[in-house]
Amino acid sequence: MNSTCTYLVFCISLVFLLAMRCEAIDTTIGFVSQPLNQSNFDIQKPYDVPLEQRYNFSDGVHKLWVLKTDKPHSRNSKTGPRSEIRIRGYDYSSGVWQFEAYGYVPCGTTGVCVMQVFGSNPPYATTTMLIVKDTSLYYYTRTIILSNLYNKWFRLNVIHDVDQNNVKVYIDGVLRHDGDGRLGKSHYFKCGVYSQKEGSFYMESRWRDIKIFKRHD
């Protein structure tokens, strides 16, 4: 009887914890929004292509696209093709910082990173990469954080606690990843498209209402 009761308590507790995990929250409570304007958006695109051929901003939406055959963002770079917004003015090395935006990935885009927390300890370059593979969004290539993501807007919140070396990823207010970062001396946020292995020929993502927050101490 005692064993049965213990098992029931365990099951109830597990259901409660899972329910809590699936509950949407306001991730910005306790954070202060930082001022942003177009000057904070540094567009990195293939070095030999005009900006308007890989980036468009209209009706509040940043549209970024790239081709698998494109050049890197600089002549000396050995990285893959990209069209990304690099957030300027808010590089950080301590504290708790948060990226918020609404993202959209059209059907057919795959094998591409759409968001980064740049900066880490060697041999890595990033603390976080969110990668589209097939029809899902992954934390790197290990953990699915959003299934069936094509052709719909989703709210993305990424919280990086530098001092605790922790990264949390929320989709529409629901926690989807909670894990260690990769340390590093300086970090910044990026979003857009950055070609990865087995990338589609055409890659695109769209972003709106981009915000940066810092936790109030």
N, C-alpha and C. Protein backbone atom coordinates (compact mmCIF):
# COMPACT_ATOMS: atom_id res chain seq x y z
N MET A 1 0.83 -1.21 0.00
CA MET A 1 0.00 0.00 0.00
C MET A 1 0.86 1.25 0.00
N ASN A 2 1.89 1.24 0.84
CA ASN A 2 2.79 2.38 0.91
C ASN A 2 3.50 2.59 -0.42
N SER A 3 3.89 1.48 -1.03
CA SER A 3 4.56 1.55 -2.33
C SER A 3 3.64 2.14 -3.39
N THR A 4 2.36 1.75 -3.36
CA THR A 4 1.39 2.28 -4.31
C THR A 4 1.19 3.77 -4.11
N CYS A 5 1.08 4.20 -2.86
CA CYS A 5 0.89 5.62 -2.55
C CYS A 5 2.09 6.44 -3.01
N THR A 6 3.28 5.89 -2.76
CA THR A 6 4.49 6.59 -3.19
C THR A 6 4.53 6.76 -4.69
N TYR A 7 4.12 5.71 -5.41
CA TYR A 7 4.11 5.76 -6.87
C TYR A 7 3.10 6.80 -7.36
N LEU A 8 1.92 6.84 -6.72
CA LEU A 8 0.90 7.81 -7.11
C LEU A 8 1.37 9.23 -6.87
N VAL A 9 2.01 9.46 -5.73
CA VAL A 9 2.54 10.79 -5.43
C VAL A 9 3.59 11.20 -6.47
N PHE A 10 4.44 10.25 -6.84
CA PHE A 10 5.46 10.52 -7.85
C PHE A 10 4.81 10.90 -9.18
N CYS A 11 3.80 10.15 -9.60
CA CYS A 11 3.11 10.43 -10.87
C CYS A 11 2.44 11.79 -10.86
N ILE A 12 1.78 12.11 -9.74
CA ILE A 12 1.11 13.41 -9.63
C ILE A 12 2.12 14.54 -9.69
N SER A 13 3.24 14.35 -9.00
CA SER A 13 4.29 15.37 -8.99
C SER A 13 4.87 15.57 -10.38
N LEU A 14 5.06 14.46 -11.11
CA LEU A 14 5.61 14.54 -12.45
C LEU A 14 4.66 15.27 -13.38
N VAL A 15 3.38 14.97 -13.29
CA VAL A 15 2.38 15.66 -14.11
C VAL A 15 2.37 17.15 -13.79
N PHE A 16 2.47 17.48 -12.51
CA PHE A 16 2.48 18.88 -12.10
C PHE A 16 3.70 19.61 -12.67
N LEU A 17 4.86 18.97 -12.61
CA LEU A 17 6.08 19.59 -13.12
C LEU A 17 6.01 19.78 -14.63
N LEU A 18 5.47 18.80 -15.33
CA LEU A 18 5.33 18.92 -16.78
C LEU A 18 4.35 20.03 -17.14
N ALA A 19 3.28 20.15 -16.37
CA ALA A 19 2.31 21.21 -16.61
C ALA A 19 2.93 22.58 -16.39
N MET A 20 3.76 22.68 -15.34
CA MET A 20 4.44 23.94 -15.06
C MET A 20 5.38 24.30 -16.21
N ARG A 21 6.06 23.29 -16.74
CA ARG A 21 7.00 23.52 -17.84
C ARG A 21 6.29 24.02 -19.09
N CYS A 22 5.05 23.60 -19.29
CA CYS A 22 4.30 23.96 -20.49
C CYS A 22 3.51 25.25 -20.33
N GLU A 23 3.58 25.86 -19.17
CA GLU A 23 2.82 27.08 -18.92
C GLU A 23 3.58 28.28 -19.45
N ALA A 24 2.91 29.10 -20.26
CA ALA A 24 3.53 30.30 -20.82
C ALA A 24 3.72 31.34 -19.73
N ILE A 25 4.87 32.00 -19.74
CA ILE A 25 5.16 33.04 -18.76
C ILE A 25 5.66 34.30 -19.47
N ASP A 26 5.68 35.40 -18.74
CA ASP A 26 6.27 36.64 -19.23
C ASP A 26 7.74 36.63 -18.84
N THR A 27 8.60 36.36 -19.79
CA THR A 27 10.03 36.23 -19.50
C THR A 27 10.72 37.57 -19.25
N THR A 28 10.02 38.67 -19.51
CA THR A 28 10.66 39.98 -19.40
C THR A 28 10.47 40.63 -18.03
N ILE A 29 9.73 39.98 -17.13
CA ILE A 29 9.57 40.53 -15.78
C ILE A 29 10.93 40.59 -15.10
N GLY A 30 11.25 41.76 -14.54
CA GLY A 30 12.54 41.95 -13.89
C GLY A 30 13.63 42.42 -14.83
N PHE A 31 13.30 42.56 -16.12
CA PHE A 31 14.25 43.04 -17.12
C PHE A 31 13.89 44.46 -17.55
N VAL A 32 14.88 45.17 -18.05
CA VAL A 32 14.69 46.53 -18.56
C VAL A 32 14.96 46.53 -20.06
N SER A 33 14.00 47.02 -20.83
CA SER A 33 14.15 47.09 -22.28
C SER A 33 15.20 48.14 -22.65
N GLN A 34 16.07 47.80 -23.57
CA GLN A 34 17.13 48.71 -24.01
C GLN A 34 16.70 49.40 -25.31
N PRO A 35 17.05 50.69 -25.47
CA PRO A 35 16.65 51.39 -26.69
C PRO A 35 17.30 50.79 -27.94
N LEU A 36 16.50 50.62 -28.97
CA LEU A 36 16.98 50.07 -30.25
C LEU A 36 16.44 50.90 -31.40
N ASN A 37 17.27 51.11 -32.41
CA ASN A 37 16.80 51.68 -33.66
C ASN A 37 17.59 51.04 -34.80
N GLN A 38 17.35 51.50 -36.02
CA GLN A 38 17.96 50.85 -37.18
C GLN A 38 19.48 50.88 -37.12
N SER A 39 20.06 51.85 -36.41
CA SER A 39 21.52 51.93 -36.33
C SER A 39 22.11 50.77 -35.52
N ASN A 40 21.28 50.11 -34.73
CA ASN A 40 21.75 48.95 -33.96
C ASN A 40 21.75 47.66 -34.77
N PHE A 41 21.19 47.72 -35.98
CA PHE A 41 21.07 46.53 -36.81
C PHE A 41 22.14 46.55 -37.91
N ASP A 42 23.22 45.84 -37.68
CA ASP A 42 24.30 45.73 -38.65
C ASP A 42 24.03 44.50 -39.52
N ILE A 43 23.79 44.72 -40.81
CA ILE A 43 23.44 43.62 -41.70
C ILE A 43 24.70 43.01 -42.30
N GLN A 44 24.90 41.73 -42.02
CA GLN A 44 26.01 40.99 -42.59
C GLN A 44 25.48 40.15 -43.75
N LYS A 45 26.01 40.40 -44.94
CA LYS A 45 25.51 39.71 -46.15
C LYS A 45 26.69 39.39 -47.04
N PRO A 46 26.49 38.59 -48.11
CA PRO A 46 27.59 38.27 -49.01
C PRO A 46 28.29 39.54 -49.50
N TYR A 47 29.61 39.55 -49.45
CA TYR A 47 30.36 40.78 -49.68
C TYR A 47 30.22 41.32 -51.10
N ASP A 48 29.86 40.47 -52.05
CA ASP A 48 29.80 40.91 -53.44
C ASP A 48 28.38 41.17 -53.94
N VAL A 49 27.42 41.20 -53.02
CA VAL A 49 26.02 41.38 -53.40
C VAL A 49 25.47 42.64 -52.73
N PRO A 50 24.74 43.49 -53.46
CA PRO A 50 24.15 44.68 -52.84
C PRO A 50 23.19 44.30 -51.71
N LEU A 51 23.10 45.17 -50.73
CA LEU A 51 22.27 44.90 -49.55
C LEU A 51 20.84 44.56 -49.92
N GLU A 52 20.26 45.31 -50.84
CA GLU A 52 18.85 45.12 -51.17
C GLU A 52 18.57 43.78 -51.84
N GLN A 53 19.61 43.06 -52.24
CA GLN A 53 19.41 41.74 -52.84
C GLN A 53 19.44 40.60 -51.82
N ARG A 54 19.66 40.95 -50.55
CA ARG A 54 19.66 39.93 -49.50
C ARG A 54 18.94 40.38 -48.22
N TYR A 55 18.43 41.62 -48.24
CA TYR A 55 17.77 42.15 -47.03
C TYR A 55 16.72 43.17 -47.43
N ASN A 56 15.58 43.09 -46.73
CA ASN A 56 14.51 44.07 -46.94
C ASN A 56 13.84 44.37 -45.61
N PHE A 57 13.53 45.64 -45.38
CA PHE A 57 12.78 46.03 -44.19
C PHE A 57 11.55 46.80 -44.64
N SER A 58 10.38 46.22 -44.37
CA SER A 58 9.12 46.81 -44.81
C SER A 58 8.01 46.48 -43.83
N ASP A 59 7.21 47.47 -43.48
CA ASP A 59 6.07 47.28 -42.57
C ASP A 59 6.50 46.63 -41.26
N GLY A 60 7.68 47.01 -40.79
CA GLY A 60 8.16 46.51 -39.51
C GLY A 60 8.78 45.13 -39.53
N VAL A 61 8.90 44.54 -40.73
CA VAL A 61 9.43 43.17 -40.84
C VAL A 61 10.80 43.19 -41.53
N HIS A 62 11.78 42.57 -40.88
CA HIS A 62 13.10 42.36 -41.47
C HIS A 62 13.07 41.03 -42.22
N LYS A 63 13.28 41.08 -43.51
CA LYS A 63 13.34 39.86 -44.32
C LYS A 63 14.78 39.66 -44.77
N LEU A 64 15.34 38.49 -44.46
CA LEU A 64 16.72 38.18 -44.81
C LEU A 64 16.77 36.86 -45.56
N TRP A 65 17.52 36.82 -46.65
CA TRP A 65 17.61 35.58 -47.41
C TRP A 65 19.02 35.44 -48.00
N VAL A 66 19.38 34.22 -48.32
CA VAL A 66 20.71 33.94 -48.86
C VAL A 66 20.62 32.67 -49.71
N LEU A 67 21.56 32.53 -50.63
CA LEU A 67 21.65 31.35 -51.47
C LEU A 67 22.84 30.50 -51.04
N LYS A 68 22.71 29.20 -51.20
CA LYS A 68 23.78 28.29 -50.79
C LYS A 68 25.07 28.56 -51.54
N THR A 69 24.97 29.13 -52.73
CA THR A 69 26.15 29.39 -53.56
C THR A 69 26.75 30.77 -53.30
N ASP A 70 26.19 31.54 -52.39
CA ASP A 70 26.69 32.89 -52.11
C ASP A 70 28.08 32.87 -51.47
N LYS A 71 28.76 34.01 -51.60
CA LYS A 71 30.04 34.21 -50.94
C LYS A 71 29.83 34.49 -49.45
N PRO A 72 30.89 34.39 -48.63
CA PRO A 72 30.78 34.77 -47.22
C PRO A 72 30.63 36.28 -47.07
N HIS A 73 30.55 36.76 -45.84
CA HIS A 73 30.28 38.18 -45.59
C HIS A 73 31.52 39.06 -45.75
N SER A 74 32.69 38.46 -45.86
CA SER A 74 33.92 39.22 -46.14
C SER A 74 34.85 38.36 -46.98
N ARG A 75 35.75 39.01 -47.70
CA ARG A 75 36.63 38.29 -48.62
C ARG A 75 37.53 37.28 -47.90
N ASN A 76 37.92 37.61 -46.68
CA ASN A 76 38.86 36.75 -45.95
C ASN A 76 38.17 35.68 -45.11
N SER A 77 36.85 35.72 -45.04
CA SER A 77 36.12 34.77 -44.20
C SER A 77 36.04 33.40 -44.87
N LYS A 78 36.15 32.37 -44.06
CA LYS A 78 35.99 31.00 -44.54
C LYS A 78 34.67 30.39 -44.06
N THR A 79 33.77 31.23 -43.57
CA THR A 79 32.48 30.76 -43.08
C THR A 79 31.48 30.65 -44.22
N GLY A 80 30.31 30.09 -43.92
CA GLY A 80 29.29 29.88 -44.92
C GLY A 80 28.53 31.16 -45.26
N PRO A 81 27.71 31.11 -46.31
CA PRO A 81 26.90 32.26 -46.70
C PRO A 81 25.94 32.66 -45.59
N ARG A 82 25.69 33.96 -45.48
CA ARG A 82 24.78 34.44 -44.45
C ARG A 82 24.15 35.76 -44.87
N SER A 83 22.98 36.01 -44.31
CA SER A 83 22.36 37.33 -44.29
C SER A 83 21.77 37.47 -42.90
N GLU A 84 22.46 38.20 -42.04
CA GLU A 84 22.12 38.25 -40.63
C GLU A 84 22.10 39.68 -40.09
N ILE A 85 21.27 39.87 -39.09
CA ILE A 85 21.30 41.10 -38.30
C ILE A 85 22.21 40.85 -37.11
N ARG A 86 23.27 41.64 -37.01
CA ARG A 86 24.16 41.58 -35.87
C ARG A 86 23.81 42.78 -34.98
N ILE A 87 23.36 42.51 -33.76
CA ILE A 87 22.97 43.60 -32.86
C ILE A 87 24.21 44.35 -32.40
N ARG A 88 24.26 45.65 -32.72
CA ARG A 88 25.36 46.52 -32.30
C ARG A 88 24.96 47.34 -31.07
N GLY A 89 25.96 47.68 -30.28
CA GLY A 89 25.73 48.56 -29.15
C GLY A 89 25.42 47.86 -27.85
N TYR A 90 25.22 46.54 -27.92
CA TYR A 90 24.87 45.79 -26.71
C TYR A 90 25.70 44.52 -26.57
N ASP A 91 26.98 44.60 -26.95
CA ASP A 91 27.89 43.50 -26.61
C ASP A 91 28.01 43.44 -25.09
N TYR A 92 28.13 42.26 -24.54
CA TYR A 92 28.14 42.13 -23.08
C TYR A 92 29.10 41.03 -22.64
N SER A 93 29.59 41.17 -21.42
CA SER A 93 30.53 40.18 -20.86
C SER A 93 30.12 39.72 -19.47
N SER A 94 29.03 40.27 -18.95
CA SER A 94 28.53 39.87 -17.63
C SER A 94 27.04 40.20 -17.56
N GLY A 95 26.40 39.75 -16.49
CA GLY A 95 24.99 40.05 -16.31
C GLY A 95 24.07 39.06 -17.00
N VAL A 96 22.78 39.42 -17.01
CA VAL A 96 21.75 38.57 -17.62
C VAL A 96 21.08 39.37 -18.73
N TRP A 97 21.16 38.89 -19.94
CA TRP A 97 20.65 39.59 -21.12
C TRP A 97 19.62 38.72 -21.83
N GLN A 98 18.69 39.40 -22.50
CA GLN A 98 17.60 38.68 -23.17
C GLN A 98 17.33 39.25 -24.55
N PHE A 99 17.21 38.34 -25.51
CA PHE A 99 16.80 38.67 -26.87
C PHE A 99 15.35 38.25 -27.04
N GLU A 100 14.54 39.15 -27.59
CA GLU A 100 13.14 38.82 -27.90
C GLU A 100 12.82 39.27 -29.31
N ALA A 101 12.12 38.43 -30.04
CA ALA A 101 11.66 38.79 -31.38
C ALA A 101 10.62 37.78 -31.83
N TYR A 102 9.86 38.17 -32.83
CA TYR A 102 8.95 37.25 -33.50
C TYR A 102 9.64 36.79 -34.78
N GLY A 103 9.73 35.47 -34.95
CA GLY A 103 10.40 34.90 -36.10
C GLY A 103 9.43 34.16 -37.02
N TYR A 104 9.85 34.02 -38.27
CA TYR A 104 9.03 33.35 -39.29
C TYR A 104 9.98 32.68 -40.28
N VAL A 105 9.75 31.40 -40.54
CA VAL A 105 10.57 30.66 -41.50
C VAL A 105 9.65 30.05 -42.56
N PRO A 106 9.83 30.41 -43.83
CA PRO A 106 8.96 29.86 -44.87
C PRO A 106 9.31 28.41 -45.20
N CYS A 107 8.32 27.70 -45.67
CA CYS A 107 8.49 26.29 -46.04
C CYS A 107 9.60 26.13 -47.07
N GLY A 108 10.44 25.13 -46.87
CA GLY A 108 11.53 24.84 -47.79
C GLY A 108 12.89 25.25 -47.28
N THR A 109 12.92 26.19 -46.35
CA THR A 109 14.19 26.61 -45.75
C THR A 109 14.65 25.55 -44.76
N THR A 110 15.86 25.04 -44.93
CA THR A 110 16.39 24.02 -44.02
C THR A 110 17.91 24.08 -44.02
N GLY A 111 18.52 23.48 -42.97
CA GLY A 111 19.97 23.48 -42.86
C GLY A 111 20.54 24.87 -42.69
N VAL A 112 19.93 25.64 -41.78
CA VAL A 112 20.33 27.03 -41.61
C VAL A 112 20.15 27.46 -40.16
N CYS A 113 21.09 28.25 -39.68
CA CYS A 113 20.97 28.85 -38.35
C CYS A 113 20.20 30.16 -38.47
N VAL A 114 19.19 30.35 -37.63
CA VAL A 114 18.38 31.57 -37.71
C VAL A 114 18.58 32.50 -36.52
N MET A 115 19.26 32.04 -35.47
CA MET A 115 19.55 32.91 -34.32
C MET A 115 20.81 32.42 -33.62
N GLN A 116 21.62 33.37 -33.16
CA GLN A 116 22.85 33.03 -32.45
C GLN A 116 23.05 33.91 -31.22
N VAL A 117 23.63 33.32 -30.18
CA VAL A 117 24.33 34.09 -29.16
C VAL A 117 25.80 33.87 -29.47
N PHE A 118 26.44 34.91 -30.00
CA PHE A 118 27.82 34.76 -30.44
C PHE A 118 28.78 34.94 -29.28
N GLY A 119 29.90 34.21 -29.34
CA GLY A 119 30.93 34.30 -28.32
C GLY A 119 30.95 33.07 -27.44
N SER A 120 32.14 32.51 -27.21
CA SER A 120 32.29 31.32 -26.38
C SER A 120 33.77 31.08 -26.15
N ASN A 121 34.07 30.08 -25.37
CA ASN A 121 35.45 29.63 -25.24
C ASN A 121 35.82 28.76 -26.43
N PRO A 122 37.08 28.82 -26.89
CA PRO A 122 37.53 27.92 -27.96
C PRO A 122 37.33 26.46 -27.54
N PRO A 123 37.06 25.57 -28.51
CA PRO A 123 37.17 25.78 -29.95
C PRO A 123 35.88 26.29 -30.59
N TYR A 124 34.88 26.61 -29.80
CA TYR A 124 33.59 27.04 -30.34
C TYR A 124 33.58 28.54 -30.60
N ALA A 125 32.64 28.97 -31.43
CA ALA A 125 32.46 30.39 -31.72
C ALA A 125 31.19 30.95 -31.10
N THR A 126 30.24 30.06 -30.77
CA THR A 126 28.93 30.51 -30.29
C THR A 126 28.56 29.84 -28.98
N THR A 127 27.70 30.53 -28.24
CA THR A 127 27.11 29.96 -27.03
C THR A 127 25.76 29.33 -27.33
N THR A 128 25.08 29.86 -28.34
CA THR A 128 23.77 29.34 -28.75
C THR A 128 23.63 29.45 -30.26
N MET A 129 23.09 28.40 -30.87
CA MET A 129 22.67 28.46 -32.27
C MET A 129 21.32 27.75 -32.37
N LEU A 130 20.36 28.42 -32.98
CA LEU A 130 19.06 27.81 -33.25
C LEU A 130 19.01 27.49 -34.74
N ILE A 131 18.87 26.21 -35.04
CA ILE A 131 19.05 25.72 -36.41
C ILE A 131 17.77 25.07 -36.92
N VAL A 132 17.37 25.48 -38.12
CA VAL A 132 16.23 24.86 -38.80
C VAL A 132 16.73 23.63 -39.55
N LYS A 133 16.09 22.51 -39.27
CA LYS A 133 16.42 21.26 -39.96
C LYS A 133 15.11 20.55 -40.27
N ASP A 134 14.88 20.32 -41.57
CA ASP A 134 13.61 19.75 -42.02
C ASP A 134 12.47 20.68 -41.59
N THR A 135 11.58 20.23 -40.74
CA THR A 135 10.43 21.08 -40.37
C THR A 135 10.50 21.58 -38.93
N SER A 136 11.66 21.42 -38.28
CA SER A 136 11.77 21.75 -36.86
C SER A 136 12.89 22.74 -36.59
N LEU A 137 12.79 23.39 -35.43
CA LEU A 137 13.83 24.29 -34.95
C LEU A 137 14.56 23.60 -33.81
N TYR A 138 15.87 23.55 -33.91
CA TYR A 138 16.71 22.83 -32.95
C TYR A 138 17.61 23.79 -32.17
N TYR A 139 17.94 23.38 -30.93
CA TYR A 139 19.04 24.00 -30.21
C TYR A 139 20.30 23.27 -30.66
N TYR A 140 21.14 23.97 -31.44
CA TYR A 140 22.18 23.30 -32.22
C TYR A 140 21.49 22.20 -33.03
N THR A 141 21.93 20.97 -32.96
CA THR A 141 21.26 19.91 -33.73
C THR A 141 20.75 18.81 -32.82
N ARG A 142 20.67 19.10 -31.52
CA ARG A 142 20.36 18.05 -30.55
C ARG A 142 18.92 18.06 -30.08
N THR A 143 18.43 19.23 -29.68
CA THR A 143 17.15 19.32 -29.00
C THR A 143 16.14 20.08 -29.86
N ILE A 144 15.00 19.47 -30.14
CA ILE A 144 13.94 20.16 -30.86
C ILE A 144 13.25 21.14 -29.91
N ILE A 145 13.21 22.40 -30.29
CA ILE A 145 12.51 23.38 -29.46
C ILE A 145 11.20 23.86 -30.09
N LEU A 146 11.02 23.57 -31.38
CA LEU A 146 9.75 23.89 -32.03
C LEU A 146 9.57 22.98 -33.24
N SER A 147 8.48 22.23 -33.25
CA SER A 147 8.15 21.37 -34.39
C SER A 147 7.18 22.09 -35.32
N ASN A 148 7.16 21.66 -36.57
CA ASN A 148 6.22 22.24 -37.56
C ASN A 148 6.28 23.76 -37.54
N LEU A 149 7.47 24.31 -37.70
CA LEU A 149 7.63 25.76 -37.54
C LEU A 149 7.32 26.55 -38.80
N TYR A 150 7.18 25.90 -39.96
CA TYR A 150 7.05 26.65 -41.20
C TYR A 150 5.78 27.50 -41.28
N ASN A 151 5.96 28.67 -41.92
CA ASN A 151 4.85 29.53 -42.33
C ASN A 151 3.97 30.00 -41.17
N LYS A 152 4.59 30.24 -40.01
CA LYS A 152 3.83 30.80 -38.89
C LYS A 152 4.78 31.62 -38.02
N TRP A 153 4.25 32.67 -37.43
CA TRP A 153 5.05 33.50 -36.53
C TRP A 153 5.15 32.83 -35.16
N PHE A 154 6.32 32.93 -34.54
CA PHE A 154 6.51 32.44 -33.18
C PHE A 154 7.32 33.49 -32.40
N ARG A 155 7.04 33.59 -31.12
CA ARG A 155 7.80 34.53 -30.28
C ARG A 155 8.98 33.80 -29.66
N LEU A 156 10.15 34.33 -29.88
CA LEU A 156 11.38 33.73 -29.37
C LEU A 156 11.99 34.61 -28.28
N ASN A 157 12.28 34.00 -27.15
CA ASN A 157 13.01 34.68 -26.07
C ASN A 157 14.22 33.83 -25.69
N VAL A 158 15.39 34.41 -25.75
CA VAL A 158 16.63 33.73 -25.36
C VAL A 158 17.26 34.52 -24.22
N ILE A 159 17.43 33.88 -23.08
CA ILE A 159 18.00 34.53 -21.90
C ILE A 159 19.37 33.93 -21.62
N HIS A 160 20.38 34.79 -21.58
CA HIS A 160 21.76 34.35 -21.34
C HIS A 160 22.25 34.95 -20.03
N ASP A 161 22.45 34.09 -19.05
CA ASP A 161 23.01 34.48 -17.76
C ASP A 161 24.51 34.18 -17.82
N VAL A 162 25.29 35.21 -18.05
CA VAL A 162 26.73 35.01 -18.26
C VAL A 162 27.40 34.48 -17.00
N ASP A 163 27.09 35.10 -15.87
CA ASP A 163 27.77 34.74 -14.62
C ASP A 163 27.46 33.31 -14.18
N GLN A 164 26.25 32.84 -14.47
CA GLN A 164 25.87 31.47 -14.12
C GLN A 164 26.08 30.49 -15.28
N ASN A 165 26.56 31.01 -16.41
CA ASN A 165 26.81 30.18 -17.60
C ASN A 165 25.58 29.36 -17.97
N ASN A 166 24.45 30.07 -18.09
CA ASN A 166 23.18 29.39 -18.36
C ASN A 166 22.46 30.06 -19.52
N VAL A 167 21.81 29.24 -20.35
CA VAL A 167 21.01 29.73 -21.46
C VAL A 167 19.63 29.10 -21.39
N LYS A 168 18.60 29.94 -21.48
CA LYS A 168 17.22 29.46 -21.55
C LYS A 168 16.60 29.94 -22.86
N VAL A 169 15.84 29.06 -23.50
CA VAL A 169 15.15 29.40 -24.74
C VAL A 169 13.66 29.16 -24.55
N TYR A 170 12.87 30.19 -24.85
CA TYR A 170 11.41 30.11 -24.74
C TYR A 170 10.79 30.31 -26.11
N ILE A 171 9.76 29.54 -26.40
CA ILE A 171 8.95 29.73 -27.60
C ILE A 171 7.53 30.06 -27.14
N ASP A 172 7.06 31.24 -27.54
CA ASP A 172 5.72 31.70 -27.13
C ASP A 172 5.54 31.63 -25.62
N GLY A 173 6.60 31.97 -24.89
CA GLY A 173 6.54 32.03 -23.44
C GLY A 173 6.73 30.71 -22.72
N VAL A 174 6.93 29.63 -23.47
CA VAL A 174 7.09 28.31 -22.87
C VAL A 174 8.56 27.89 -22.94
N LEU A 175 9.11 27.45 -21.81
CA LEU A 175 10.51 27.05 -21.75
C LEU A 175 10.74 25.79 -22.60
N ARG A 176 11.69 25.89 -23.53
CA ARG A 176 12.01 24.76 -24.41
C ARG A 176 13.43 24.25 -24.24
N HIS A 177 14.29 25.07 -23.67
CA HIS A 177 15.67 24.62 -23.41
C HIS A 177 16.21 25.37 -22.20
N ASP A 178 16.92 24.64 -21.35
CA ASP A 178 17.56 25.21 -20.17
C ASP A 178 18.86 24.44 -19.97
N GLY A 179 20.00 25.09 -20.26
CA GLY A 179 21.26 24.36 -20.18
C GLY A 179 22.46 25.27 -20.06
N ASP A 180 23.62 24.65 -20.04
CA ASP A 180 24.88 25.39 -19.90
C ASP A 180 25.21 26.16 -21.16
N GLY A 181 25.88 27.30 -20.96
CA GLY A 181 26.45 28.03 -22.08
C GLY A 181 27.84 27.49 -22.40
N ARG A 182 28.62 28.32 -23.10
CA ARG A 182 29.98 27.90 -23.48
C ARG A 182 31.02 28.93 -23.03
N LEU A 183 30.68 29.66 -21.96
CA LEU A 183 31.58 30.65 -21.39
C LEU A 183 31.96 31.69 -22.44
N GLY A 184 33.17 32.21 -22.42
CA GLY A 184 33.56 33.25 -23.36
C GLY A 184 33.63 34.62 -22.70
N LYS A 185 34.40 35.52 -23.31
CA LYS A 185 34.64 36.84 -22.72
C LYS A 185 33.67 37.92 -23.20
N SER A 186 33.08 37.74 -24.37
CA SER A 186 32.18 38.77 -24.92
C SER A 186 31.13 38.11 -25.79
N HIS A 187 29.92 38.68 -25.77
CA HIS A 187 28.80 38.07 -26.48
C HIS A 187 27.94 39.14 -27.16
N TYR A 188 27.21 38.71 -28.18
CA TYR A 188 26.19 39.55 -28.79
C TYR A 188 25.18 38.66 -29.50
N PHE A 189 24.03 39.27 -29.86
CA PHE A 189 22.93 38.52 -30.47
C PHE A 189 22.92 38.72 -31.99
N LYS A 190 22.46 37.68 -32.70
CA LYS A 190 22.30 37.74 -34.14
C LYS A 190 21.03 36.99 -34.53
N CYS A 191 20.42 37.40 -35.64
CA CYS A 191 19.31 36.64 -36.21
C CYS A 191 19.30 36.83 -37.72
N GLY A 192 18.71 35.89 -38.42
CA GLY A 192 18.68 35.95 -39.88
C GLY A 192 18.82 34.56 -40.46
N VAL A 193 19.74 34.40 -41.41
CA VAL A 193 20.02 33.08 -41.99
C VAL A 193 21.52 32.93 -42.18
N TYR A 194 22.05 31.81 -41.70
CA TYR A 194 23.47 31.48 -41.80
C TYR A 194 23.56 30.00 -42.18
N SER A 195 24.01 29.73 -43.39
CA SER A 195 23.98 28.38 -43.96
C SER A 195 24.78 27.39 -43.13
N GLN A 196 24.20 26.19 -42.95
CA GLN A 196 24.84 25.10 -42.23
C GLN A 196 24.92 23.88 -43.15
N LYS A 197 25.27 22.73 -42.59
CA LYS A 197 25.37 21.51 -43.38
C LYS A 197 24.01 21.15 -43.98
N GLU A 198 24.03 20.68 -45.20
CA GLU A 198 22.83 20.23 -45.90
C GLU A 198 21.79 21.33 -46.00
N GLY A 199 22.26 22.54 -46.21
CA GLY A 199 21.34 23.67 -46.34
C GLY A 199 20.60 23.65 -47.67
N SER A 200 19.40 24.17 -47.67
CA SER A 200 18.63 24.30 -48.90
C SER A 200 19.29 25.34 -49.81
N PHE A 201 18.94 25.33 -51.08
CA PHE A 201 19.56 26.30 -52.00
C PHE A 201 19.17 27.72 -51.62
N TYR A 202 17.89 27.91 -51.28
CA TYR A 202 17.39 29.22 -50.86
C TYR A 202 17.00 29.14 -49.39
N MET A 203 17.49 30.09 -48.60
CA MET A 203 17.21 30.12 -47.16
C MET A 203 16.69 31.50 -46.78
N GLU A 204 15.63 31.52 -45.98
CA GLU A 204 15.01 32.80 -45.61
C GLU A 204 14.44 32.74 -44.20
N SER A 205 14.54 33.85 -43.50
CA SER A 205 13.78 34.03 -42.26
C SER A 205 13.36 35.49 -42.15
N ARG A 206 12.32 35.72 -41.37
CA ARG A 206 11.78 37.07 -41.17
C ARG A 206 11.68 37.34 -39.67
N TRP A 207 11.89 38.61 -39.31
CA TRP A 207 11.90 38.99 -37.90
C TRP A 207 11.22 40.34 -37.71
N ARG A 208 10.49 40.44 -36.62
CA ARG A 208 9.84 41.71 -36.28
C ARG A 208 9.86 41.90 -34.76
N ASP A 209 9.66 43.15 -34.36
CA ASP A 209 9.60 43.49 -32.93
C ASP A 209 10.82 42.97 -32.17
N ILE A 210 12.00 43.20 -32.74
CA ILE A 210 13.24 42.78 -32.08
C ILE A 210 13.49 43.68 -30.87
N LYS A 211 13.77 43.05 -29.73
CA LYS A 211 14.03 43.79 -28.50
C LYS A 211 15.20 43.16 -27.75
N ILE A 212 15.92 44.01 -27.03
CA ILE A 212 17.00 43.56 -26.15
C ILE A 212 16.68 44.02 -24.73
N PHE A 213 16.83 43.09 -23.78
CA PHE A 213 16.56 43.39 -22.37
C PHE A 213 17.79 43.07 -21.53
N LYS A 214 17.93 43.81 -20.45
CA LYS A 214 18.94 43.49 -19.44
C LYS A 214 18.25 43.38 -18.09
N ARG A 215 18.61 42.36 -17.32
CA ARG A 215 17.96 42.18 -16.03
C ARG A 215 18.35 43.30 -15.08
N HIS A 216 17.34 43.81 -14.40
CA HIS A 216 17.56 44.89 -13.44
C HIS A 216 18.16 44.33 -12.16
N ASP A 217 19.30 44.87 -11.76
CA ASP A 217 19.97 44.39 -10.55
C ASP A 217 19.51 45.19 -9.33
